[in-house]
Amino acid sequence: QVQLVESGGGLVQPGGSLKLACVASGNLFSVYGMAWYRQIPGKTRELVACNTGNALTNYADSVKGRFRIYRDNARNTLYLEMNNLKPEDTAVYFCNRKTDRTCIGEGSWGQGIQVTVSS
């Protein structure tokens, strides 16, 4: 069972930036699709960005041009760089490892980390 540990969340003002990190246990990190999701209380968890095992990426329309997902396979770490943050980005962010190279399916989850965008 893979373990995913997120870090880097917190409180930031609108227009500010944060970088989330997710460290994964185990081997073969590079072969799996990895993603970030977010969830607001009372709402469905939504995909923010995904990075496949072939280094392809896709983003939710709401974050395109502001967020960047990337990975460091040597460190088993997935990142989400978030710029020009807006209050509507406030949510609990979850790291997710897929079951194969793609961005399809569910897989394993981290515990989540709070991001709050507020003045």
C-alpha atoms as a PDB file:
ATOM      1  CA  GLN A   1       0.000   0.000   0.000  1.00  0.00           C
ATOM      2  CA  VAL A   2       1.551   3.281  -1.092  1.00  0.00           C
ATOM      3  CA  GLN A   3       1.692   6.160   1.368  1.00  0.00           C
ATOM      4  CA  LEU A   4       1.281   9.705   0.103  1.00  0.00           C
ATOM      5  CA  VAL A   5       2.209  12.621   2.345  1.00  0.00           C
ATOM      6  CA  GLU A   6       1.271  16.168   1.326  1.00  0.00           C
ATOM      7  CA  SER A   7       2.899  19.358   2.547  1.00  0.00           C
ATOM      8  CA  GLY A   8       3.009  23.050   1.693  1.00  0.00           C
ATOM      9  CA  GLY A   9      -0.548  24.152   2.342  1.00  0.00           C
ATOM     10  CA  GLY A  10      -1.616  27.117   4.416  1.00  0.00           C
ATOM     11  CA  LEU A  11      -3.132  30.580   4.303  1.00  0.00           C
ATOM     12  CA  VAL A  12      -2.305  32.960   1.476  1.00  0.00           C
ATOM     13  CA  GLN A  13      -3.739  36.253   0.257  1.00  0.00           C
ATOM     14  CA  PRO A  14      -5.513  36.526  -3.100  1.00  0.00           C
ATOM     15  CA  GLY A  15      -2.971  36.851  -5.871  1.00  0.00           C
ATOM     16  CA  GLY A  16      -0.374  34.968  -3.870  1.00  0.00           C
ATOM     17  CA  SER A  17       1.389  31.671  -4.509  1.00  0.00           C
ATOM     18  CA  LEU A  18       1.862  28.322  -2.827  1.00  0.00           C
ATOM     19  CA  LYS A  19       3.643  25.124  -3.764  1.00  0.00           C
ATOM     20  CA  LEU A  20       2.283  21.782  -2.617  1.00  0.00           C
ATOM     21  CA  ALA A  21       4.445  18.680  -2.442  1.00  0.00           C
ATOM     22  CA  CYS A  22       3.501  15.014  -2.189  1.00  0.00           C
ATOM     23  CA  VAL A  23       6.062  12.388  -1.293  1.00  0.00           C
ATOM     24  CA  ALA A  24       5.182   8.816  -2.217  1.00  0.00           C
ATOM     25  CA  SER A  25       6.536   5.687  -0.572  1.00  0.00           C
ATOM     26  CA  GLY A  26       7.633   2.621  -2.472  1.00  0.00           C
ATOM     27  CA  ASN A  27       9.209   2.028  -5.830  1.00  0.00           C
ATOM     28  CA  LEU A  28       8.350   2.674  -9.452  1.00  0.00           C
ATOM     29  CA  PHE A  29       7.034   6.179  -8.748  1.00  0.00           C
ATOM     30  CA  SER A  30       7.821   7.225 -12.314  1.00  0.00           C
ATOM     31  CA  VAL A  31       5.529   4.702 -13.950  1.00  0.00           C
ATOM     32  CA  TYR A  32       2.315   5.857 -12.313  1.00  0.00           C
ATOM     33  CA  GLY A  33      -0.050   8.613 -13.211  1.00  0.00           C
ATOM     34  CA  MET A  34      -0.128  11.172 -10.386  1.00  0.00           C
ATOM     35  CA  ALA A  35      -2.742  13.809  -9.718  1.00  0.00           C
ATOM     36  CA  TRP A  36      -3.952  16.571  -7.444  1.00  0.00           C
ATOM     37  CA  TYR A  37      -7.610  16.861  -6.503  1.00  0.00           C
ATOM     38  CA  ARG A  38      -9.421  19.304  -4.265  1.00  0.00           C
ATOM     39  CA  GLN A  39     -12.595  19.250  -2.260  1.00  0.00           C
ATOM     40  CA  ILE A  40     -14.781  21.877  -0.664  1.00  0.00           C
ATOM     41  CA  PRO A  41     -17.049  20.733   2.195  1.00  0.00           C
ATOM     42  CA  GLY A  42     -20.344  19.492   0.820  1.00  0.00           C
ATOM     43  CA  LYS A  43     -19.048  19.213  -2.735  1.00  0.00           C
ATOM     44  CA  THR A  44     -17.616  16.443  -4.875  1.00  0.00           C
ATOM     45  CA  ARG A  45     -13.862  16.042  -5.032  1.00  0.00           C
ATOM     46  CA  GLU A  46     -12.644  17.500  -8.325  1.00  0.00           C
ATOM     47  CA  LEU A  47      -9.567  16.932 -10.427  1.00  0.00           C
ATOM     48  CA  VAL A  48      -7.175  19.874 -10.422  1.00  0.00           C
ATOM     49  CA  ALA A  49      -4.313  18.477 -12.500  1.00  0.00           C
ATOM     50  CA  CYS A  50      -2.825  15.170 -13.563  1.00  0.00           C
ATOM     51  CA  ASN A  51       0.583  14.055 -14.777  1.00  0.00           C
ATOM     52  CA  THR A  52       0.806  10.700 -16.525  1.00  0.00           C
ATOM     53  CA  GLY A  53       3.638   8.199 -16.385  1.00  0.00           C
ATOM     54  CA  ASN A  54       4.505   9.500 -19.853  1.00  0.00           C
ATOM     55  CA  ALA A  55       4.820  13.064 -18.526  1.00  0.00           C
ATOM     56  CA  LEU A  56       1.657  14.316 -20.196  1.00  0.00           C
ATOM     57  CA  THR A  57      -0.384  16.782 -18.175  1.00  0.00           C
ATOM     58  CA  ASN A  58      -3.947  17.987 -18.049  1.00  0.00           C
ATOM     59  CA  TYR A  59      -5.611  20.680 -15.968  1.00  0.00           C
ATOM     60  CA  ALA A  60      -9.043  21.748 -14.861  1.00  0.00           C
ATOM     61  CA  ASP A  61     -10.161  24.765 -16.864  1.00  0.00           C
ATOM     62  CA  SER A  62     -10.402  26.821 -13.685  1.00  0.00           C
ATOM     63  CA  VAL A  63      -6.659  26.526 -13.001  1.00  0.00           C
ATOM     64  CA  LYS A  64      -5.152  26.554 -16.491  1.00  0.00           C
ATOM     65  CA  GLY A  65      -2.448  29.172 -16.802  1.00  0.00           C
ATOM     66  CA  ARG A  66      -2.171  29.561 -13.017  1.00  0.00           C
ATOM     67  CA  PHE A  67      -1.223  26.103 -11.714  1.00  0.00           C
ATOM     68  CA  ARG A  68       1.581  23.777 -12.793  1.00  0.00           C
ATOM     69  CA  ILE A  69       1.903  20.096 -11.947  1.00  0.00           C
ATOM     70  CA  TYR A  70       5.278  18.426 -12.183  1.00  0.00           C
ATOM     71  CA  ARG A  71       7.226  15.608 -10.614  1.00  0.00           C
ATOM     72  CA  ASP A  72      10.721  14.735  -9.484  1.00  0.00           C
ATOM     73  CA  ASN A  73      10.979  10.993 -10.032  1.00  0.00           C
ATOM     74  CA  ALA A  74      14.353  10.767  -8.305  1.00  0.00           C
ATOM     75  CA  ARG A  75      12.733  12.063  -5.111  1.00  0.00           C
ATOM     76  CA  ASN A  76       9.378  10.281  -5.516  1.00  0.00           C
ATOM     77  CA  THR A  77       7.761  13.693  -5.243  1.00  0.00           C
ATOM     78  CA  LEU A  78       4.849  15.326  -7.013  1.00  0.00           C
ATOM     79  CA  TYR A  79       4.418  19.101  -6.940  1.00  0.00           C
ATOM     80  CA  LEU A  80       1.631  21.556  -7.567  1.00  0.00           C
ATOM     81  CA  GLU A  81       2.769  25.113  -8.092  1.00  0.00           C
ATOM     82  CA  MET A  82      -0.160  27.495  -7.609  1.00  0.00           C
ATOM     83  CA  ASN A  83       0.028  31.127  -8.701  1.00  0.00           C
ATOM     84  CA  ASN A  84      -2.424  34.010  -8.754  1.00  0.00           C
ATOM     85  CA  LEU A  85      -4.530  32.223  -6.173  1.00  0.00           C
ATOM     86  CA  LYS A  86      -8.178  33.139  -5.823  1.00  0.00           C
ATOM     87  CA  PRO A  87     -10.600  32.710  -2.910  1.00  0.00           C
ATOM     88  CA  GLU A  88     -12.392  30.023  -4.918  1.00  0.00           C
ATOM     89  CA  ASP A  89      -9.210  27.926  -4.823  1.00  0.00           C
ATOM     90  CA  THR A  90      -9.789  27.437  -1.112  1.00  0.00           C
ATOM     91  CA  ALA A  91     -10.177  23.709  -0.498  1.00  0.00           C
ATOM     92  CA  VAL A  92      -8.541  20.608   0.894  1.00  0.00           C
ATOM     93  CA  TYR A  93      -6.060  19.378  -1.696  1.00  0.00           C
ATOM     94  CA  PHE A  94      -5.381  15.664  -2.092  1.00  0.00           C
ATOM     95  CA  CYS A  95      -2.505  13.861  -3.726  1.00  0.00           C
ATOM     96  CA  ASN A  96      -3.529  10.821  -5.760  1.00  0.00           C
ATOM     97  CA  ARG A  97      -1.580   7.981  -7.321  1.00  0.00           C
ATOM     98  CA  LYS A  98      -3.296   6.167 -10.136  1.00  0.00           C
ATOM     99  CA  THR A  99      -3.142   2.415 -10.742  1.00  0.00           C
ATOM    100  CA  ASP A 100      -1.270   2.710 -14.031  1.00  0.00           C
ATOM    101  CA  ARG A 101       0.444   5.284 -16.265  1.00  0.00           C
ATOM    102  CA  THR A 102      -2.749   7.072 -17.166  1.00  0.00           C
ATOM    103  CA  CYS A 103      -4.918   9.636 -15.412  1.00  0.00           C
ATOM    104  CA  ILE A 104      -7.886   7.284 -15.406  1.00  0.00           C
ATOM    105  CA  GLY A 105      -9.414   5.632 -12.365  1.00  0.00           C
ATOM    106  CA  GLU A 106      -9.058   6.261  -8.669  1.00  0.00           C
ATOM    107  CA  GLY A 107      -5.992   4.667  -7.017  1.00  0.00           C
ATOM    108  CA  SER A 108      -4.546   5.757  -3.658  1.00  0.00           C
ATOM    109  CA  TRP A 109      -5.005   8.984  -1.701  1.00  0.00           C
ATOM    110  CA  GLY A 110      -3.059  11.164   0.649  1.00  0.00           C
ATOM    111  CA  GLN A 111      -4.642  12.554   3.800  1.00  0.00           C
ATOM    112  CA  GLY A 112      -5.242  15.988   2.288  1.00  0.00           C
ATOM    113  CA  ILE A 113      -3.929  19.435   3.099  1.00  0.00           C
ATOM    114  CA  GLN A 114      -5.799  22.696   3.574  1.00  0.00           C
ATOM    115  CA  VAL A 115      -5.260  25.651   1.274  1.00  0.00           C
ATOM    116  CA  THR A 116      -7.026  28.862   2.250  1.00  0.00           C
ATOM    117  CA  VAL A 117      -7.015  31.951   0.058  1.00  0.00           C
ATOM    118  CA  SER A 118      -8.262  34.942   1.977  1.00  0.00           C
ATOM    119  CA  SER A 119      -7.393  38.530   2.766  1.00  0.00           C
END
